[in-house]
């Protein structure tokens, strides 16, 4: 057994024990208690075998009175100075360095008829530790692994259950069958990560199409915008809105759906403009520039990025829904519905109006979407507002 020279932890000071353990033993986590004691737990490789352990040091950095719990099969076995050969002058660093030599070898499992699969998930995790390329995090139970803050895709993340590699969460649109793709094509942790990065690269055009819209249009829905959303609603002109949806992020233009939302006459006219313009779609231009060409605009209504403007929207009573008297619902929806009467002050959420109509005798229901007359002036309400409801 080798005695560590210089007892480096004493030189560092107690406050650096967490950093020392994290750097030298990535599978372990150290936590100093207010009483001065130290608790270290996690997984550690001992002569090629990964073992889960918990170490309690009541008199850190000295080992006097230490308690070491090592998982063996389904139970933890406790080791102290009574049943573990520890030298009197050892400190924490010495114990960890010599743990593989002083711990009894784990009992071999004999009840398995088939050989155990090769490889170890914790070895794979250590091999994929690349802090310059992404952030890798694991929960305290060591059953959930998260990749995030990728160098080229900082807003994306991937969460997997370990060791099963079952998909738990991700940052891609729900219409992307990532779970199915991982099940079919990824047998190891490295393959799962490579596949996720490959999918992100293939989805770059999808996110690029929305980048200019997010930056140069006043996107009202969804709010807040995330990498999971595949649609945008933004003003086309006063009381008229455009909803852009990409059904298949791998085939953006082919699966693009455009819906014009607003008063009946405005919608009818702009639908003809849109139909004619789609025939002249320029594949060399992005979605934002093509939409400007179609509607013969220099720009769409621009957003005000100041924090004061966002607060003004919330506080402005004129912008609030005339039914629920709230501006933005919990799901991010804002009041966009108005009637065909330009002088009417109606402004409400599509969901609120639908609920309102279900209580009226003259309301019409078609395909689970309710329509009727304006509750204020009794003018007609365009059915185009149904596009604001969840598809």
Protein backbone atom coordinates (compact mmCIF):
# COMPACT_ATOMS: atom_id res chain seq x y z
CA UNK A 1 0.00 0.00 0.00
CA UNK A 2 1.27 3.42 -0.95
CA UNK A 3 1.26 6.36 1.46
CA UNK A 4 0.25 9.65 -0.24
CA UNK A 5 3.01 12.22 0.01
CA UNK A 6 2.44 15.57 1.64
CA UNK A 7 -1.20 14.94 2.58
CA UNK A 8 -2.41 17.40 -0.03
CA UNK A 9 -5.83 17.88 1.52
CA UNK A 10 -4.28 19.47 4.60
CA UNK A 11 -2.50 21.93 2.34
CA UNK A 12 -5.66 22.77 0.45
CA UNK A 13 -7.84 23.33 3.50
CA UNK A 14 -11.17 21.75 4.33
CA UNK A 15 -13.08 24.01 1.98
CA UNK A 16 -11.40 22.41 -1.05
CA UNK A 17 -12.25 18.79 -0.28
CA UNK A 18 -15.29 18.95 -2.58
CA UNK A 19 -13.14 20.15 -5.47
CA UNK A 20 -10.47 17.52 -4.81
CA UNK A 21 -12.97 14.66 -4.77
CA UNK A 22 -14.77 15.93 -7.88
CA UNK A 23 -11.53 16.27 -9.86
CA UNK A 24 -9.87 13.00 -8.82
CA UNK A 25 -12.94 10.79 -8.34
CA UNK A 26 -15.67 12.02 -10.77
CA UNK A 27 -18.15 9.42 -9.53
CA UNK A 28 -18.04 10.71 -5.94
CA UNK A 29 -19.58 13.80 -4.36
CA UNK A 30 -18.25 15.33 -1.12
CA UNK A 31 -20.27 17.55 1.20
CA UNK A 32 -18.89 19.36 4.26
CA UNK A 33 -21.30 19.68 7.19
CA UNK A 34 -21.52 22.74 9.51
CA UNK A 35 -20.27 20.52 12.33
CA UNK A 36 -17.00 19.94 10.46
CA UNK A 37 -17.81 16.39 9.46
CA UNK A 38 -17.67 15.27 5.84
CA UNK A 39 -19.94 12.94 3.84
CA UNK A 40 -18.75 11.41 0.57
CA UNK A 41 -21.01 9.23 -1.57
CA UNK A 42 -21.35 7.94 -5.11
CA UNK A 43 -19.57 5.32 -7.22
CA UNK A 44 -15.85 4.57 -7.42
CA UNK A 45 -13.80 2.19 -9.57
CA UNK A 46 -11.84 -0.33 -7.47
CA UNK A 47 -9.50 -2.46 -9.59
CA UNK A 48 -11.84 -2.46 -12.57
CA UNK A 49 -15.04 -2.89 -10.55
CA UNK A 50 -17.41 -0.01 -9.89
CA UNK A 51 -18.69 0.05 -6.33
CA UNK A 52 -21.30 2.30 -4.73
CA UNK A 53 -20.21 3.66 -1.37
CA UNK A 54 -20.96 6.18 1.38
CA UNK A 55 -18.17 7.49 3.63
CA UNK A 56 -18.82 9.40 6.86
CA UNK A 57 -15.89 11.28 8.46
CA UNK A 58 -16.98 12.81 11.80
CA UNK A 59 -13.49 14.31 12.40
CA UNK A 60 -12.45 15.28 8.88
CA UNK A 61 -9.68 15.34 7.65
CA UNK A 62 -8.67 12.69 10.23
CA UNK A 63 -10.14 9.20 9.81
CA UNK A 64 -10.85 8.67 13.52
CA UNK A 65 -14.33 7.20 13.91
CA UNK A 66 -14.96 6.88 10.14
CA UNK A 67 -17.80 4.73 8.80
CA UNK A 68 -17.64 3.33 5.27
CA UNK A 69 -20.74 1.76 3.70
CA UNK A 70 -20.14 -0.31 0.55
CA UNK A 71 -23.02 -1.75 -1.46
CA UNK A 72 -22.70 -5.48 -1.99
CA UNK A 73 -25.56 -6.82 -4.10
CA UNK A 74 -28.71 -5.31 -2.55
CA UNK A 75 -27.29 -4.53 0.89
CA UNK A 76 -24.74 -2.07 2.28
CA UNK A 77 -21.90 -3.52 4.36
CA UNK A 78 -20.33 -1.24 6.96
CA UNK A 79 -16.56 -0.94 7.46
CA UNK A 80 -14.78 0.83 10.31
CA UNK A 81 -11.27 0.77 11.74
CA UNK A 82 -12.28 -2.48 13.47
CA UNK A 83 -12.66 -4.51 10.27
CA UNK A 84 -10.61 -2.48 7.75
CA UNK A 85 -6.81 -2.19 7.83
CA UNK A 86 -6.21 1.57 7.99
CA UNK A 87 -2.89 3.10 9.09
CA UNK A 88 -3.03 5.47 12.04
CA UNK A 89 -1.59 8.48 10.18
CA UNK A 90 -3.84 8.17 7.11
CA UNK A 91 -6.11 11.00 6.05
CA UNK A 92 -8.96 11.02 3.53
CA UNK A 93 -6.68 11.15 0.50
CA UNK A 94 -4.76 8.10 1.68
CA UNK A 95 -7.92 6.10 2.34
CA UNK A 96 -9.38 6.76 -1.10
CA UNK A 97 -6.08 6.02 -2.85
CA UNK A 98 -5.72 2.63 -1.13
CA UNK A 99 -9.37 1.64 -0.96
CA UNK A 100 -9.10 -0.90 -3.78
CA UNK A 101 -6.32 -2.75 -1.92
CA UNK A 102 -7.87 -2.83 1.55
CA UNK A 103 -11.49 -3.64 0.65
CA UNK A 104 -12.35 -7.33 0.36
CA UNK A 105 -12.97 -8.49 -3.19
CA UNK A 106 -16.70 -8.55 -4.04
CA UNK A 107 -18.31 -11.96 -4.09
CA UNK A 108 -18.74 -13.39 -7.57
CA UNK A 109 -22.30 -13.85 -8.78
CA UNK A 110 -22.86 -17.50 -9.58
CA UNK A 111 -26.58 -17.66 -10.31
CA UNK A 112 -26.33 -16.14 -13.80
CA UNK A 113 -26.28 -18.81 -16.49
CA UNK A 114 -25.63 -16.29 -19.28
CA UNK A 115 -22.51 -14.12 -19.29
CA UNK A 116 -23.01 -10.51 -18.20
CA UNK A 117 -22.88 -7.96 -21.02
CA UNK A 118 -19.56 -6.30 -21.59
CA UNK A 119 -19.01 -2.66 -20.77
CA UNK A 120 -19.99 -0.44 -17.87
CA UNK A 121 -22.27 2.58 -18.01
CA UNK A 122 -20.16 4.55 -15.53
CA UNK A 123 -17.03 3.94 -17.61
CA UNK A 124 -18.96 5.23 -20.64
CA UNK A 125 -19.97 8.33 -18.68
CA UNK A 126 -16.37 9.08 -17.72
CA UNK A 127 -15.23 8.57 -21.32
CA UNK A 128 -17.81 11.12 -22.50
CA UNK A 129 -16.78 13.78 -19.98
CA UNK A 130 -15.94 16.68 -22.33
CA UNK A 131 -16.60 19.96 -20.51
CA UNK A 132 -15.43 22.03 -23.49
CA UNK A 133 -18.17 20.57 -25.69
CA UNK A 134 -21.15 20.20 -23.34
CA UNK A 135 -22.23 20.07 -19.71
CA UNK A 136 -22.90 16.62 -18.26
CA UNK A 137 -24.87 16.27 -15.00
CA UNK A 138 -26.11 13.33 -12.94
CA UNK A 139 -28.67 13.25 -10.16
CA UNK A 140 -27.83 12.17 -6.62
CA UNK A 141 -29.29 8.70 -7.16
CA UNK A 142 -27.06 8.21 -10.24
CA UNK A 143 -30.08 7.17 -12.30
CA UNK A 144 -30.59 10.26 -14.48
CA UNK A 145 -27.97 11.73 -16.85
CA UNK A 146 -28.38 15.12 -18.54
CA UNK A 147 -26.39 16.59 -21.44
CA UNK A 148 -26.84 20.33 -21.97
CA UNK A 149 -25.15 23.60 -23.00
CA UNK A 150 -23.70 22.09 -26.16
CA UNK A 151 -21.05 24.30 -27.75
CA UNK A 152 -23.06 24.63 -31.00
CA UNK A 153 -26.56 24.16 -29.55
CA UNK A 154 -26.56 25.92 -26.18
CA UNK A 155 -30.33 25.78 -25.61
CA UNK A 156 -30.69 22.06 -26.22
CA UNK A 157 -30.55 19.20 -23.74
CA UNK A 158 -30.93 15.43 -23.54
CA UNK A 159 -31.88 13.45 -20.43
CA UNK A 160 -31.51 9.68 -20.22
CA UNK A 161 -32.24 7.09 -17.57
CA UNK A 162 -29.19 5.04 -16.66
CA UNK A 163 -28.24 2.32 -17.09
CA UNK A 164 -31.27 1.56 -19.33
CA UNK A 165 -30.66 4.63 -21.62
CA UNK A 166 -34.43 5.20 -21.72
CA UNK A 167 -35.28 8.69 -22.97
CA UNK A 168 -36.63 10.88 -20.15
CA UNK A 169 -36.65 14.38 -21.64
CA UNK A 170 -35.24 16.38 -24.53
CA UNK A 171 -35.35 19.80 -26.17
CA UNK A 172 -36.65 18.82 -29.62
CA UNK A 173 -40.21 19.36 -30.90
CA UNK A 174 -42.65 16.66 -29.81
CA UNK A 175 -43.25 15.73 -33.45
CA UNK A 176 -39.67 14.39 -33.65
CA UNK A 177 -39.78 10.67 -32.67
CA UNK A 178 -36.51 10.82 -30.75
CA UNK A 179 -37.39 8.01 -28.34
CA UNK A 180 -38.12 5.63 -31.20
CA UNK A 181 -34.92 6.66 -32.98
CA UNK A 182 -32.80 6.02 -29.89
CA UNK A 183 -34.42 2.62 -29.29
CA UNK A 184 -33.71 1.48 -32.85
CA UNK A 185 -30.26 2.96 -33.44
CA UNK A 186 -28.48 3.58 -30.11
CA UNK A 187 -27.20 0.65 -28.07
CA UNK A 188 -24.67 2.55 -25.97
CA UNK A 189 -24.50 5.92 -24.26
CA UNK A 190 -22.01 7.20 -26.82
CA UNK A 191 -24.25 6.13 -29.70
CA UNK A 192 -27.21 7.89 -28.08
CA UNK A 193 -25.26 11.14 -27.76
CA UNK A 194 -23.91 10.91 -31.31
CA UNK A 195 -27.41 10.29 -32.65
CA UNK A 196 -28.82 13.27 -30.74
CA UNK A 197 -26.09 15.57 -32.10
CA UNK A 198 -26.71 14.25 -35.62
CA UNK A 199 -30.42 15.00 -35.30
CA UNK A 200 -29.61 18.52 -34.07
CA UNK A 201 -27.46 19.09 -37.14
CA UNK A 202 -30.24 17.85 -39.42
CA UNK A 203 -32.68 20.20 -37.67
CA UNK A 204 -30.47 23.25 -38.14
CA UNK A 205 -32.56 24.48 -41.16
CA UNK A 206 -35.73 24.12 -39.06
CA UNK A 207 -34.38 26.41 -36.34
CA UNK A 208 -32.81 28.78 -38.87
CA UNK A 209 -36.20 29.33 -40.52
CA UNK A 210 -37.65 30.53 -37.22
CA UNK A 211 -34.62 32.60 -36.16
CA UNK A 212 -35.45 35.67 -38.28
CA UNK A 213 -39.14 35.42 -37.41
CA UNK A 214 -38.31 35.36 -33.70
CA UNK A 215 -35.94 38.31 -34.02
CA UNK A 216 -37.75 40.45 -36.62
CA UNK A 217 -41.43 39.79 -35.90
CA UNK A 218 -43.55 40.44 -32.84
CA UNK A 219 -44.18 36.80 -31.96
CA UNK A 220 -47.22 36.67 -29.68
CA UNK A 221 -47.55 32.91 -29.35
CA UNK A 222 -45.99 30.73 -28.07
CA UNK A 223 -44.61 32.53 -25.04
CA UNK A 224 -41.97 31.96 -23.99
CA UNK A 225 -40.52 30.48 -27.17
CA UNK A 226 -38.54 27.27 -26.67
CA UNK A 227 -36.73 24.82 -28.92
CA UNK A 228 -39.73 22.48 -28.59
CA UNK A 229 -42.17 24.78 -30.41
CA UNK A 230 -42.82 24.27 -34.12
CA UNK A 231 -45.27 27.14 -34.70
CA UNK A 232 -45.37 30.93 -34.42
CA UNK A 233 -48.22 33.47 -34.35
CA UNK A 234 -47.33 37.08 -35.17
CA UNK A 235 -49.13 40.20 -36.50
CA UNK A 236 -49.49 40.64 -40.24
CA UNK A 237 -51.32 43.96 -39.92
CA UNK A 238 -53.82 45.54 -37.54
CA UNK A 239 -56.15 42.82 -36.14
CA UNK A 240 -54.77 40.27 -38.63
CA UNK A 241 -52.28 37.57 -37.68
CA UNK A 242 -50.28 34.87 -39.40
CA UNK A 243 -49.75 31.42 -37.90
CA UNK A 244 -46.78 29.47 -39.27
CA UNK A 245 -46.51 25.77 -38.42
CA UNK A 246 -43.88 23.27 -39.55
CA UNK A 247 -45.34 19.79 -39.23
CA UNK A 248 -42.14 17.89 -40.04
CA UNK A 249 -38.94 19.64 -38.91
CA UNK A 250 -36.92 17.43 -41.27
CA UNK A 251 -38.89 18.73 -44.28
CA UNK A 252 -39.64 22.33 -43.37
CA UNK A 253 -41.04 23.81 -46.58
CA UNK A 254 -42.89 20.67 -47.64
CA UNK A 255 -44.70 20.46 -44.28
CA UNK A 256 -45.19 24.20 -43.74
CA UNK A 257 -48.76 25.32 -42.99
CA UNK A 258 -49.78 29.00 -43.10
CA UNK A 259 -53.04 30.22 -41.57
CA UNK A 260 -54.31 33.80 -41.73
CA UNK A 261 -56.33 34.82 -38.69
CA UNK A 262 -58.58 37.88 -38.44
CA UNK A 263 -61.84 39.49 -39.63
CA UNK A 264 -63.64 37.62 -42.43
CA UNK A 265 -63.10 40.08 -45.32
CA UNK A 266 -59.44 40.66 -44.48
CA UNK A 267 -58.80 36.94 -44.26
CA UNK A 268 -60.53 36.21 -47.58
CA UNK A 269 -58.47 38.83 -49.41
CA UNK A 270 -55.14 37.84 -47.86
CA UNK A 271 -55.76 34.16 -48.53
CA UNK A 272 -55.86 34.95 -52.26
CA UNK A 273 -52.65 36.93 -51.91
CA UNK A 274 -51.03 34.05 -50.07
CA UNK A 275 -52.21 31.46 -52.59
CA UNK A 276 -50.76 33.45 -55.49
CA UNK A 277 -47.52 34.13 -53.64
CA UNK A 278 -46.82 30.53 -52.70
CA UNK A 279 -46.49 29.73 -56.40
CA UNK A 280 -43.48 32.08 -56.54
CA UNK A 281 -41.73 30.74 -53.43
CA UNK A 282 -37.96 31.33 -53.71
CA UNK A 283 -36.02 28.35 -52.38
CA UNK A 284 -32.90 30.53 -52.07
CA UNK A 285 -34.55 32.75 -49.46
CA UNK A 286 -35.51 31.88 -45.90
CA UNK A 287 -39.10 31.70 -44.71
CA UNK A 288 -39.18 35.24 -43.31
CA UNK A 289 -38.01 36.87 -46.56
CA UNK A 290 -40.40 34.80 -48.65
CA UNK A 291 -43.35 35.84 -46.49
CA UNK A 292 -42.38 39.50 -46.87
CA UNK A 293 -42.31 39.04 -50.67
CA UNK A 294 -45.68 37.31 -50.71
CA UNK A 295 -47.44 40.07 -48.78
CA UNK A 296 -45.41 42.84 -50.45
CA UNK A 297 -44.05 44.17 -47.15
CA UNK A 298 -40.72 45.66 -46.14
CA UNK A 299 -41.12 44.33 -42.62
CA UNK A 300 -43.68 42.82 -40.26
CA UNK A 301 -44.69 44.69 -37.09
CA UNK A 302 -41.55 44.68 -34.96
CA UNK A 303 -41.31 43.67 -31.31
CA UNK A 304 -40.24 46.01 -28.53
CA UNK A 305 -37.52 44.13 -26.66
CA UNK A 306 -37.44 46.39 -23.60
CA UNK A 307 -38.50 44.93 -20.27
CA UNK A 308 -40.68 47.98 -19.66
CA UNK A 309 -42.67 47.20 -22.80
CA UNK A 310 -43.41 43.66 -21.60
CA UNK A 311 -44.59 45.00 -18.26
CA UNK A 312 -46.73 47.64 -20.01
CA UNK A 313 -48.49 44.88 -21.96
CA UNK A 314 -49.37 43.07 -18.75
CA UNK A 315 -50.62 46.26 -17.06
CA UNK A 316 -52.47 47.77 -20.05
CA UNK A 317 -56.19 47.23 -19.42
CA UNK A 318 -57.00 47.87 -23.10
CA UNK A 319 -54.99 44.79 -24.10
CA UNK A 320 -56.69 42.47 -21.62
CA UNK A 321 -59.25 39.86 -22.58
CA UNK A 322 -62.82 41.21 -22.38
CA UNK A 323 -63.99 37.89 -20.95
CA UNK A 324 -61.40 36.81 -18.37
CA UNK A 325 -59.77 40.28 -17.89
CA UNK A 326 -56.26 38.81 -18.12
CA UNK A 327 -53.68 39.59 -20.81
CA UNK A 328 -51.61 36.40 -20.98
CA UNK A 329 -52.96 33.02 -19.91
CA UNK A 330 -50.83 30.43 -18.15
CA UNK A 331 -50.21 28.70 -21.48
CA UNK A 332 -48.86 31.93 -23.01
CA UNK A 333 -51.94 32.83 -25.09
CA UNK A 334 -52.83 36.52 -25.54
CA UNK A 335 -56.15 38.12 -26.64
CA UNK A 336 -56.16 38.10 -30.46
CA UNK A 337 -59.83 37.53 -31.33
CA UNK A 338 -61.82 40.48 -32.69
CA UNK A 339 -65.08 40.58 -34.66
CA UNK A 340 -65.85 41.77 -38.20
CA UNK A 341 -67.03 45.15 -36.89
CA UNK A 342 -63.98 47.44 -36.98
CA UNK A 343 -65.57 49.76 -34.41
CA UNK A 344 -66.16 47.00 -31.86
CA UNK A 345 -63.82 46.89 -28.88
CA UNK A 346 -63.96 43.09 -28.54
CA UNK A 347 -60.57 41.55 -27.80
CA UNK A 348 -60.36 38.15 -26.16
CA UNK A 349 -58.62 34.80 -26.03
CA UNK A 350 -59.84 32.15 -28.47
CA UNK A 351 -60.22 29.68 -25.60
CA UNK A 352 -62.29 32.14 -23.56
CA UNK A 353 -64.56 32.86 -26.52
CA UNK A 354 -65.05 29.16 -27.20
CA UNK A 355 -66.08 28.62 -23.59
CA UNK A 356 -68.40 31.64 -23.82
CA UNK A 357 -70.14 30.25 -26.91
CA UNK A 358 -70.78 26.87 -25.30
CA UNK A 359 -73.18 28.66 -22.93
CA UNK A 360 -75.19 30.33 -25.74
CA UNK A 361 -78.22 28.80 -27.44
CA UNK A 362 -77.34 30.32 -30.84
CA UNK A 363 -73.72 29.21 -30.78
CA UNK A 364 -72.72 26.79 -33.52
CA UNK A 365 -70.42 23.84 -32.94
CA UNK A 366 -68.40 22.26 -35.73
CA UNK A 367 -65.57 19.76 -35.24
CA UNK A 368 -65.43 20.61 -31.52
CA UNK A 369 -64.85 24.33 -32.27
CA UNK A 370 -67.64 26.73 -31.32
CA UNK A 371 -68.61 29.77 -33.37
CA UNK A 372 -71.25 32.43 -32.97
CA UNK A 373 -71.82 36.18 -32.90
CA UNK A 374 -69.80 38.82 -31.10
CA UNK A 375 -70.98 39.02 -27.48
CA UNK A 376 -70.61 42.82 -27.66
CA UNK A 377 -72.04 44.04 -30.98
CA UNK A 378 -73.55 40.80 -32.39
CA UNK A 379 -71.46 41.08 -35.58
CA UNK A 380 -70.10 37.95 -37.23
CA UNK A 381 -66.94 36.32 -35.87
CA UNK A 382 -64.55 34.79 -38.38
CA UNK A 383 -64.00 31.04 -38.10
CA UNK A 384 -60.30 31.70 -38.84
CA UNK A 385 -59.76 32.25 -35.12
CA UNK A 386 -60.14 28.50 -34.61
CA UNK A 387 -56.49 28.27 -35.72
CA UNK A 388 -55.53 29.84 -32.39
CA UNK A 389 -56.87 26.81 -30.56
CA UNK A 390 -54.70 23.74 -30.17
CA UNK A 391 -54.60 21.75 -33.40
